[in-house]
PDB file of N, CA and C in Angstrom:
ATOM      1  N   MET A   1      -7.698 -31.143  -8.807  1.00  0.00           N
ATOM      2  CA  MET A   1      -6.846 -30.745  -9.680  1.00  0.00           C
ATOM      3  C   MET A   1      -5.663 -30.180  -9.724  1.00  0.00           C
ATOM      4  N   ASP A   2      -4.954 -29.516  -8.554  1.00  0.00           N
ATOM      5  CA  ASP A   2      -3.723 -29.095  -8.554  1.00  0.00           C
ATOM      6  C   ASP A   2      -3.318 -29.959  -7.900  1.00  0.00           C
ATOM      7  N   TYR A   3      -3.481 -30.961  -7.276  1.00  0.00           N
ATOM      8  CA  TYR A   3      -2.561 -32.234  -6.493  1.00  0.00           C
ATOM      9  C   TYR A   3      -2.096 -33.023  -7.810  1.00  0.00           C
ATOM     10  N   ASN A   4      -2.415 -32.914  -9.035  1.00  0.00           N
ATOM     11  CA  ASN A   4      -1.789 -33.699  -9.898  1.00  0.00           C
ATOM     12  C   ASN A   4      -0.867 -33.179 -10.732  1.00  0.00           C
ATOM     13  N   LEU A   5      -0.166 -31.869 -10.387  1.00  0.00           N
ATOM     14  CA  LEU A   5       0.788 -31.212 -11.421  1.00  0.00           C
ATOM     15  C   LEU A   5       1.903 -31.665 -10.901  1.00  0.00           C
ATOM     16  N   LYS A   6       3.117 -31.884 -12.210  1.00  0.00           N
ATOM     17  CA  LYS A   6       4.043 -32.845 -12.035  1.00  0.00           C
ATOM     18  C   LYS A   6       5.138 -31.678 -11.283  1.00  0.00           C
ATOM     19  N   ASN A   7       5.291 -30.619 -11.521  1.00  0.00           N
ATOM     20  CA  ASN A   7       6.032 -29.261 -11.232  1.00  0.00           C
ATOM     21  C   ASN A   7       5.158 -28.530  -9.914  1.00  0.00           C
ATOM     22  N   LYS A   8       5.716 -28.540  -8.618  1.00  0.00           N
ATOM     23  CA  LYS A   8       4.654 -27.761  -7.210  1.00  0.00           C
ATOM     24  C   LYS A   8       5.408 -26.411  -7.336  1.00  0.00           C
ATOM     25  N   VAL A   9       6.046 -26.131  -8.533  1.00  0.00           N
ATOM     26  CA  VAL A   9       6.350 -24.672  -8.954  1.00  0.00           C
ATOM     27  C   VAL A   9       5.234 -24.032  -9.181  1.00  0.00           C
ATOM     28  N   GLU A  10       4.386 -24.561 -10.087  1.00  0.00           N
ATOM     29  CA  GLU A  10       3.315 -24.151 -10.612  1.00  0.00           C
ATOM     30  C   GLU A  10       2.126 -23.772 -10.320  1.00  0.00           C
ATOM     31  N   LEU A  11       2.259 -24.922  -9.152  1.00  0.00           N
ATOM     32  CA  LEU A  11       1.114 -25.029  -8.002  1.00  0.00           C
ATOM     33  C   LEU A  11       1.152 -23.355  -7.418  1.00  0.00           C
ATOM     34  N   ILE A  12       2.448 -22.878  -6.786  1.00  0.00           N
ATOM     35  CA  ILE A  12       2.854 -22.071  -6.315  1.00  0.00           C
ATOM     36  C   ILE A  12       2.736 -20.518  -6.586  1.00  0.00           C
ATOM     37  N   LYS A  13       3.212 -20.509  -8.183  1.00  0.00           N
ATOM     38  CA  LYS A  13       3.086 -19.767  -9.067  1.00  0.00           C
ATOM     39  C   LYS A  13       1.582 -18.864  -9.321  1.00  0.00           C
ATOM     40  N   ARG A  14       0.267 -20.304  -9.206  1.00  0.00           N
ATOM     41  CA  ARG A  14      -0.656 -19.972  -9.253  1.00  0.00           C
ATOM     42  C   ARG A  14      -1.666 -19.239  -8.243  1.00  0.00           C
ATOM     43  N   LYS A  15      -1.328 -19.657  -7.441  1.00  0.00           N
ATOM     44  CA  LYS A  15      -1.679 -19.251  -5.849  1.00  0.00           C
ATOM     45  C   LYS A  15      -0.894 -17.311  -5.674  1.00  0.00           C
ATOM     46  N   LYS A  16       0.051 -17.415  -6.137  1.00  0.00           N
ATOM     47  CA  LYS A  16       0.437 -16.152  -6.035  1.00  0.00           C
ATOM     48  C   LYS A  16       0.227 -15.265  -7.397  1.00  0.00           C
ATOM     49  N   ASP A  17      -0.416 -15.430  -8.264  1.00  0.00           N
ATOM     50  CA  ASP A  17      -1.326 -14.838  -9.086  1.00  0.00           C
ATOM     51  C   ASP A  17      -2.809 -14.548  -8.553  1.00  0.00           C
ATOM     52  N   ASP A  18      -3.117 -15.501  -8.110  1.00  0.00           N
ATOM     53  CA  ASP A  18      -4.747 -15.726  -7.571  1.00  0.00           C
ATOM     54  C   ASP A  18      -4.764 -14.214  -6.240  1.00  0.00           C
ATOM     55  N   ALA A  19      -3.774 -14.640  -5.808  1.00  0.00           N
ATOM     56  CA  ALA A  19      -3.496 -13.531  -4.465  1.00  0.00           C
ATOM     57  C   ALA A  19      -3.048 -11.879  -5.139  1.00  0.00           C
ATOM     58  N   MET A  20      -2.286 -11.797  -6.491  1.00  0.00           N
ATOM     59  CA  MET A  20      -1.958 -10.479  -6.700  1.00  0.00           C
ATOM     60  C   MET A  20      -3.429 -10.099  -7.053  1.00  0.00           C
ATOM     61  N   ARG A  21      -3.925 -10.896  -8.089  1.00  0.00           N
ATOM     62  CA  ARG A  21      -5.377  -9.876  -8.222  1.00  0.00           C
ATOM     63  C   ARG A  21      -6.305  -9.726  -7.458  1.00  0.00           C
ATOM     64  N   ILE A  22      -6.632 -10.699  -6.383  1.00  0.00           N
ATOM     65  CA  ILE A  22      -7.183 -10.079  -5.291  1.00  0.00           C
ATOM     66  C   ILE A  22      -6.568  -8.974  -4.883  1.00  0.00           C
ATOM     67  N   PHE A  23      -5.533  -8.710  -4.339  1.00  0.00           N
ATOM     68  CA  PHE A  23      -4.406  -7.467  -4.205  1.00  0.00           C
ATOM     69  C   PHE A  23      -4.490  -6.331  -5.211  1.00  0.00           C
ATOM     70  N   GLN A  24      -4.937  -6.461  -6.020  1.00  0.00           N
ATOM     71  CA  GLN A  24      -5.159  -5.433  -7.136  1.00  0.00           C
ATOM     72  C   GLN A  24      -6.575  -4.796  -7.191  1.00  0.00           C
ATOM     73  N   LYS A  25      -7.513  -5.596  -6.791  1.00  0.00           N
ATOM     74  CA  LYS A  25      -8.979  -5.388  -6.327  1.00  0.00           C
ATOM     75  C   LYS A  25      -8.858  -4.442  -5.261  1.00  0.00           C
ATOM     76  N   LEU A  26      -8.417  -5.156  -4.210  1.00  0.00           N
ATOM     77  CA  LEU A  26      -8.521  -4.217  -3.072  1.00  0.00           C
ATOM     78  C   LEU A  26      -8.057  -2.819  -3.356  1.00  0.00           C
ATOM     79  N   ILE A  27      -6.868  -2.644  -3.817  1.00  0.00           N
ATOM     80  CA  ILE A  27      -6.145  -1.411  -4.206  1.00  0.00           C
ATOM     81  C   ILE A  27      -6.887  -0.346  -4.922  1.00  0.00           C
ATOM     82  N   LEU A  28      -7.364  -0.918  -6.028  1.00  0.00           N
ATOM     83  CA  LEU A  28      -8.318  -0.141  -6.981  1.00  0.00           C
ATOM     84  C   LEU A  28      -9.410   0.129  -5.949  1.00  0.00           C
ATOM     85  N   LEU A  29     -10.295  -0.493  -4.878  1.00  0.00           N
ATOM     86  CA  LEU A  29     -11.410  -0.254  -4.304  1.00  0.00           C
ATOM     87  C   LEU A  29     -10.783   0.899  -3.556  1.00  0.00           C
ATOM     88  N   LEU A  30      -9.655   0.456  -3.085  1.00  0.00           N
ATOM     89  CA  LEU A  30      -9.686   1.787  -2.076  1.00  0.00           C
ATOM     90  C   LEU A  30      -9.207   3.359  -3.008  1.00  0.00           C
ATOM     91  N   ALA A  31      -8.535   3.090  -4.036  1.00  0.00           N
ATOM     92  CA  ALA A  31      -8.398   4.234  -4.114  1.00  0.00           C
ATOM     93  C   ALA A  31      -9.875   4.696  -4.762  1.00  0.00           C
ATOM     94  N   MET A  32     -10.664   4.202  -5.153  1.00  0.00           N
ATOM     95  CA  MET A  32     -12.234   4.849  -5.653  1.00  0.00           C
ATOM     96  C   MET A  32     -12.214   5.729  -4.505  1.00  0.00           C
ATOM     97  N   MET A  33     -12.435   4.622  -3.169  1.00  0.00           N
ATOM     98  CA  MET A  33     -12.816   5.344  -1.968  1.00  0.00           C
ATOM     99  C   MET A  33     -12.061   6.735  -1.604  1.00  0.00           C
ATOM    100  N   ALA A  34     -11.093   6.459  -1.676  1.00  0.00           N
ATOM    101  CA  ALA A  34     -10.480   7.603  -1.279  1.00  0.00           C
ATOM    102  C   ALA A  34     -10.157   8.786  -2.049  1.00  0.00           C
ATOM    103  N   THR A  35     -10.438   8.631  -3.283  1.00  0.00           N
ATOM    104  CA  THR A  35     -11.264   9.841  -4.807  1.00  0.00           C
ATOM    105  C   THR A  35     -12.134  10.336  -4.239  1.00  0.00           C
ATOM    106  N   SER A  36     -13.707   9.843  -3.944  1.00  0.00           N
ATOM    107  CA  SER A  36     -15.017  10.206  -3.781  1.00  0.00           C
ATOM    108  C   SER A  36     -14.732  10.558  -2.249  1.00  0.00           C
ATOM    109  N   THR A  37     -13.865  10.356  -1.024  1.00  0.00           N
ATOM    110  CA  THR A  37     -13.262  11.461  -0.062  1.00  0.00           C
ATOM    111  C   THR A  37     -13.033  12.348  -0.338  1.00  0.00           C
ATOM    112  N   PHE A  38     -11.923  12.762  -1.073  1.00  0.00           N
ATOM    113  CA  PHE A  38     -11.409  13.868  -1.745  1.00  0.00           C
ATOM    114  C   PHE A  38     -12.585  14.937  -2.272  1.00  0.00           C
ATOM    115  N   ILE A  39     -13.265  14.505  -2.952  1.00  0.00           N
ATOM    116  CA  ILE A  39     -14.124  15.233  -3.793  1.00  0.00           C
ATOM    117  C   ILE A  39     -15.020  16.000  -2.640  1.00  0.00           C
ATOM    118  N   PHE A  40     -15.787  14.590  -2.089  1.00  0.00           N
ATOM    119  CA  PHE A  40     -16.413  15.433  -0.998  1.00  0.00           C
ATOM    120  C   PHE A  40     -15.782  16.260   0.489  1.00  0.00           C
ATOM    121  N   ALA A  41     -14.555  16.445   0.195  1.00  0.00           N
ATOM    122  CA  ALA A  41     -13.979  17.014   1.136  1.00  0.00           C
ATOM    123  C   ALA A  41     -13.549  18.662   0.541  1.00  0.00           C
ATOM    124  N   GLN A  42     -14.059  18.733  -0.649  1.00  0.00           N
ATOM    125  CA  GLN A  42     -13.692  20.101  -0.758  1.00  0.00           C
ATOM    126  C   GLN A  42     -14.624  20.935  -0.842  1.00  0.00           C
ATOM    127  N   ASP A  43     -15.914  20.592  -0.502  1.00  0.00           N
ATOM    128  CA  ASP A  43     -17.230  21.455  -0.066  1.00  0.00           C
ATOM    129  C   ASP A  43     -16.614  22.092   1.661  1.00  0.00           C
ATOM    130  N   LYS A  44     -15.889  21.840   2.323  1.00  0.00           N
ATOM    131  CA  LYS A  44     -15.679  22.261   4.282  1.00  0.00           C
ATOM    132  C   LYS A  44     -14.689  23.116   4.102  1.00  0.00           C
ATOM    133  N   ASP A  45     -14.932  24.051   5.169  1.00  0.00           N
ATOM    134  CA  ASP A  45     -14.294  25.393   5.263  1.00  0.00           C
ATOM    135  C   ASP A  45     -12.675  24.390   6.357  1.00  0.00           C
ATOM    136  N   ALA A  46     -11.711  24.206   5.996  1.00  0.00           N
ATOM    137  CA  ALA A  46     -10.356  23.979   6.702  1.00  0.00           C
ATOM    138  C   ALA A  46     -10.207  25.136   7.411  1.00  0.00           C
ATOM    139  N   GLN A  47     -10.841  24.858   8.695  1.00  0.00           N
ATOM    140  CA  GLN A  47     -10.154  25.636   9.940  1.00  0.00           C
ATOM    141  C   GLN A  47      -8.814  25.744  10.852  1.00  0.00           C
ATOM    142  N   MET A  48      -9.208  24.336  10.795  1.00  0.00           N
ATOM    143  CA  MET A  48      -7.474  23.277  11.583  1.00  0.00           C
ATOM    144  C   MET A  48      -6.512  23.389  10.749  1.00  0.00           C
ATOM    145  N   ALA A  49      -6.889  23.255   9.320  1.00  0.00           N
ATOM    146  CA  ALA A  49      -5.636  23.779   8.594  1.00  0.00           C
ATOM    147  C   ALA A  49      -5.248  24.861   8.060  1.00  0.00           C
ATOM    148  N   ASP A  50      -6.138  25.536   8.341  1.00  0.00           N
ATOM    149  CA  ASP A  50      -5.033  27.048   8.035  1.00  0.00           C
ATOM    150  C   ASP A  50      -4.626  27.606   9.304  1.00  0.00           C
ATOM    151  N   THR A  51      -5.257  27.542  10.658  1.00  0.00           N
ATOM    152  CA  THR A  51      -4.554  27.987  11.776  1.00  0.00           C
ATOM    153  C   THR A  51      -3.186  26.485  12.423  1.00  0.00           C
ATOM    154  N   MET A  52      -3.537  26.030  11.432  1.00  0.00           N
ATOM    155  CA  MET A  52      -1.531  25.072  11.302  1.00  0.00           C
ATOM    156  C   MET A  52      -0.932  25.522  10.459  1.00  0.00           C
ATOM    157  N   ARG A  53      -1.477  26.456   9.439  1.00  0.00           N
ATOM    158  CA  ARG A  53      -0.724  26.759   8.576  1.00  0.00           C
ATOM    159  C   ARG A  53       0.244  28.342   8.972  1.00  0.00           C
ATOM    160  N   SER A  54      -1.100  28.596   9.845  1.00  0.00           N
ATOM    161  CA  SER A  54      -0.153  29.961  10.069  1.00  0.00           C
ATOM    162  C   SER A  54       0.562  29.993  11.334  1.00  0.00           C
ATOM    163  N   ASN A  55       0.633  28.937  12.367  1.00  0.00           N
ATOM    164  CA  ASN A  55       1.597  28.733  13.014  1.00  0.00           C
ATOM    165  C   ASN A  55       2.662  27.919  12.776  1.00  0.00           C
ATOM    166  N   GLY A  56       2.536  27.238  11.295  1.00  0.00           N
ATOM    167  CA  GLY A  56       3.787  26.384  11.254  1.00  0.00           C
ATOM    168  C   GLY A  56       4.088  25.516  11.478  1.00  0.00           C
ATOM    169  N   ARG A  57       3.209  24.967  11.870  1.00  0.00           N
ATOM    170  CA  ARG A  57       2.699  23.487  12.400  1.00  0.00           C
ATOM    171  C   ARG A  57       2.397  22.175  11.762  1.00  0.00           C
ATOM    172  N   ILE A  58       1.948  22.535  10.552  1.00  0.00           N
ATOM    173  CA  ILE A  58       1.601  22.345   9.299  1.00  0.00           C
ATOM    174  C   ILE A  58       2.717  21.218   8.305  1.00  0.00           C
ATOM    175  N   TYR A  59       4.090  22.312   8.661  1.00  0.00           N
ATOM    176  CA  TYR A  59       4.701  21.281   7.939  1.00  0.00           C
ATOM    177  C   TYR A  59       5.454  20.420   9.184  1.00  0.00           C
ATOM    178  N   VAL A  60       5.420  20.240  10.326  1.00  0.00           N
ATOM    179  CA  VAL A  60       5.221  18.884  11.449  1.00  0.00           C
ATOM    180  C   VAL A  60       4.667  18.356  11.106  1.00  0.00           C
ATOM    181  N   VAL A  61       3.428  17.761  10.493  1.00  0.00           N
ATOM    182  CA  VAL A  61       2.708  16.843  10.354  1.00  0.00           C
ATOM    183  C   VAL A  61       3.071  16.243   9.211  1.00  0.00           C
ATOM    184  N   VAL A  62       3.130  17.394   8.361  1.00  0.00           N
ATOM    185  CA  VAL A  62       3.559  16.821   6.822  1.00  0.00           C
ATOM    186  C   VAL A  62       4.876  16.179   7.128  1.00  0.00           C
ATOM    187  N   ALA A  63       5.932  16.132   7.613  1.00  0.00           N
ATOM    188  CA  ALA A  63       7.330  15.435   7.838  1.00  0.00           C
ATOM    189  C   ALA A  63       7.046  14.614   8.714  1.00  0.00           C
ATOM    190  N   VAL A  64       6.474  14.196   9.550  1.00  0.00           N
ATOM    191  CA  VAL A  64       5.967  13.024  10.298  1.00  0.00           C
ATOM    192  C   VAL A  64       5.147  12.032   9.328  1.00  0.00           C
ATOM    193  N   VAL A  65       3.976  12.497   8.730  1.00  0.00           N
ATOM    194  CA  VAL A  65       3.274  11.883   8.024  1.00  0.00           C
ATOM    195  C   VAL A  65       4.371  11.113   6.637  1.00  0.00           C
ATOM    196  N   LEU A  66       5.256  11.741   5.551  1.00  0.00           N
ATOM    197  CA  LEU A  66       6.069  11.535   5.292  1.00  0.00           C
ATOM    198  C   LEU A  66       7.039  10.542   5.802  1.00  0.00           C
ATOM    199  N   THR A  67       7.405  10.922   6.346  1.00  0.00           N
ATOM    200  CA  THR A  67       8.728   9.958   7.808  1.00  0.00           C
ATOM    201  C   THR A  67       7.777   8.357   7.733  1.00  0.00           C
ATOM    202  N   ILE A  68       6.619   8.384   8.052  1.00  0.00           N
ATOM    203  CA  ILE A  68       5.683   7.149   8.614  1.00  0.00           C
ATOM    204  C   ILE A  68       5.721   6.153   7.093  1.00  0.00           C
ATOM    205  N   LEU A  69       5.512   7.466   6.054  1.00  0.00           N
ATOM    206  CA  LEU A  69       4.975   6.460   4.629  1.00  0.00           C
ATOM    207  C   LEU A  69       6.230   6.165   4.153  1.00  0.00           C
ATOM    208  N   ILE A  70       7.967   6.940   4.174  1.00  0.00           N
ATOM    209  CA  ILE A  70       8.943   6.674   3.854  1.00  0.00           C
ATOM    210  C   ILE A  70       9.298   4.866   4.542  1.00  0.00           C
ATOM    211  N   GLY A  71       9.270   5.078   5.686  1.00  0.00           N
ATOM    212  CA  GLY A  71       9.880   3.994   6.361  1.00  0.00           C
ATOM    213  C   GLY A  71       9.122   2.845   6.326  1.00  0.00           C
ATOM    214  N   LEU A  72       7.433   3.198   6.128  1.00  0.00           N
ATOM    215  CA  LEU A  72       6.605   1.353   5.662  1.00  0.00           C
ATOM    216  C   LEU A  72       7.079   1.056   4.363  1.00  0.00           C
ATOM    217  N   LEU A  73       7.628   2.210   3.436  1.00  0.00           N
ATOM    218  CA  LEU A  73       7.845   1.546   1.369  1.00  0.00           C
ATOM    219  C   LEU A  73       9.255   1.020   1.955  1.00  0.00           C
ATOM    220  N   LEU A  74      10.163   1.632   3.015  1.00  0.00           N
ATOM    221  CA  LEU A  74      11.605   0.987   2.847  1.00  0.00           C
ATOM    222  C   LEU A  74      11.453  -0.929   3.340  1.00  0.00           C
ATOM    223  N   TYR A  75      10.389  -0.410   4.444  1.00  0.00           N
ATOM    224  CA  TYR A  75      10.016  -1.883   5.174  1.00  0.00           C
ATOM    225  C   TYR A  75       9.531  -2.794   3.946  1.00  0.00           C
ATOM    226  N   ILE A  76       8.710  -2.658   3.261  1.00  0.00           N
ATOM    227  CA  ILE A  76       8.012  -3.461   2.358  1.00  0.00           C
ATOM    228  C   ILE A  76       9.166  -3.994   1.305  1.00  0.00           C
ATOM    229  N   VAL A  77       9.971  -3.249   1.067  1.00  0.00           N
ATOM    230  CA  VAL A  77      11.174  -3.263  -0.267  1.00  0.00           C
ATOM    231  C   VAL A  77      11.884  -4.349   0.339  1.00  0.00           C
ATOM    232  N   ARG A  78      12.090  -4.099   1.709  1.00  0.00           N
ATOM    233  CA  ARG A  78      13.332  -4.969   2.161  1.00  0.00           C
ATOM    234  C   ARG A  78      12.391  -6.319   2.339  1.00  0.00           C
ATOM    235  N   LEU A  79      11.426  -6.320   2.843  1.00  0.00           N
ATOM    236  CA  LEU A  79      10.466  -7.658   3.299  1.00  0.00           C
ATOM    237  C   LEU A  79      10.491  -8.661   1.767  1.00  0.00           C
ATOM    238  N   ASP A  80      10.595  -7.598   0.605  1.00  0.00           N
ATOM    239  CA  ASP A  80      10.224  -8.409  -0.502  1.00  0.00           C
ATOM    240  C   ASP A  80      11.399  -8.564  -1.008  1.00  0.00           C
ATOM    241  N   LYS A  81      12.533  -8.379  -0.650  1.00  0.00           N
ATOM    242  CA  LYS A  81      14.078  -8.853  -1.106  1.00  0.00           C
ATOM    243  C   LYS A  81      14.395  -9.728  -0.076  1.00  0.00           C
ATOM    244  N   LYS A  82      14.020  -9.940   1.320  1.00  0.00           N
ATOM    245  CA  LYS A  82      13.698 -11.090   1.831  1.00  0.00           C
ATOM    246  C   LYS A  82      13.376 -12.490   1.245  1.00  0.00           C
ATOM    247  N   ILE A  83      11.911 -12.215   1.249  1.00  0.00           N
ATOM    248  CA  ILE A  83      11.122 -12.788   0.362  1.00  0.00           C
ATOM    249  C   ILE A  83      11.699 -13.827  -0.517  1.00  0.00           C
ATOM    250  N   THR A  84      12.489 -12.934  -1.662  1.00  0.00           N
ATOM    251  CA  THR A  84      12.820 -13.121  -2.630  1.00  0.00           C
ATOM    252  C   THR A  84      14.519 -14.281  -2.655  1.00  0.00           C
ATOM    253  N   ASN A  85      15.090 -14.052  -1.668  1.00  0.00           N
ATOM    254  CA  ASN A  85      15.923 -14.799  -1.702  1.00  0.00           C
ATOM    255  C   ASN A  85      15.663 -15.796  -0.854  1.00  0.00           C
ATOM    256  N   LEU A  86      14.436 -15.949  -0.161  1.00  0.00           N
ATOM    257  CA  LEU A  86      14.095 -17.291  -0.002  1.00  0.00           C
ATOM    258  C   LEU A  86      13.643 -18.224  -0.858  1.00  0.00           C
ATOM    259  N   GLU A  87      12.775 -17.323  -1.370  1.00  0.00           N
ATOM    260  CA  GLU A  87      12.044 -18.267  -2.809  1.00  0.00           C
ATOM    261  C   GLU A  87      13.475 -18.643  -3.464  1.00  0.00           C
ATOM    262  N   ARG A  88      14.538 -17.908  -4.319  1.00  0.00           N
ATOM    263  CA  ARG A  88      15.494 -18.216  -4.893  1.00  0.00           C
ATOM    264  C   ARG A  88      16.485 -19.289  -3.914  1.00  0.00           C
ATOM    265  N   SER A  89      16.569 -19.665  -2.534  1.00  0.00           N
ATOM    266  CA  SER A  89      17.188 -20.435  -2.167  1.00  0.00           C
ATOM    267  C   SER A  89      16.382 -22.033  -1.678  1.00  0.00           C
ATOM    268  N   ASN A  90      15.323 -21.696  -2.133  1.00  0.00           N
ATOM    269  CA  ASN A  90      14.738 -23.098  -2.216  1.00  0.00           C
ATOM    270  C   ASN A  90      14.235 -23.572  -3.222  1.00  0.00           C
TER     271      ASN A  90
END
């Protein structure tokens, strides 16, 4: 059915939309799983976190995690811009 399209751009857009729906469902599933994990994590005593907080090391951990997340975010934004430029050039 798709091979009868007059404009091939429509085919590319359709595939992109299908992939986006799958990606959205995956993100929703991961968010639900993370929420349930956070709910169950509230019952346990966090001795390691208290120890790290008292030593001041928790701030180092938070800084490293934030640095990694910001780096991943910047990488994704940069990659999206490059892909957009490639799509425009074609």
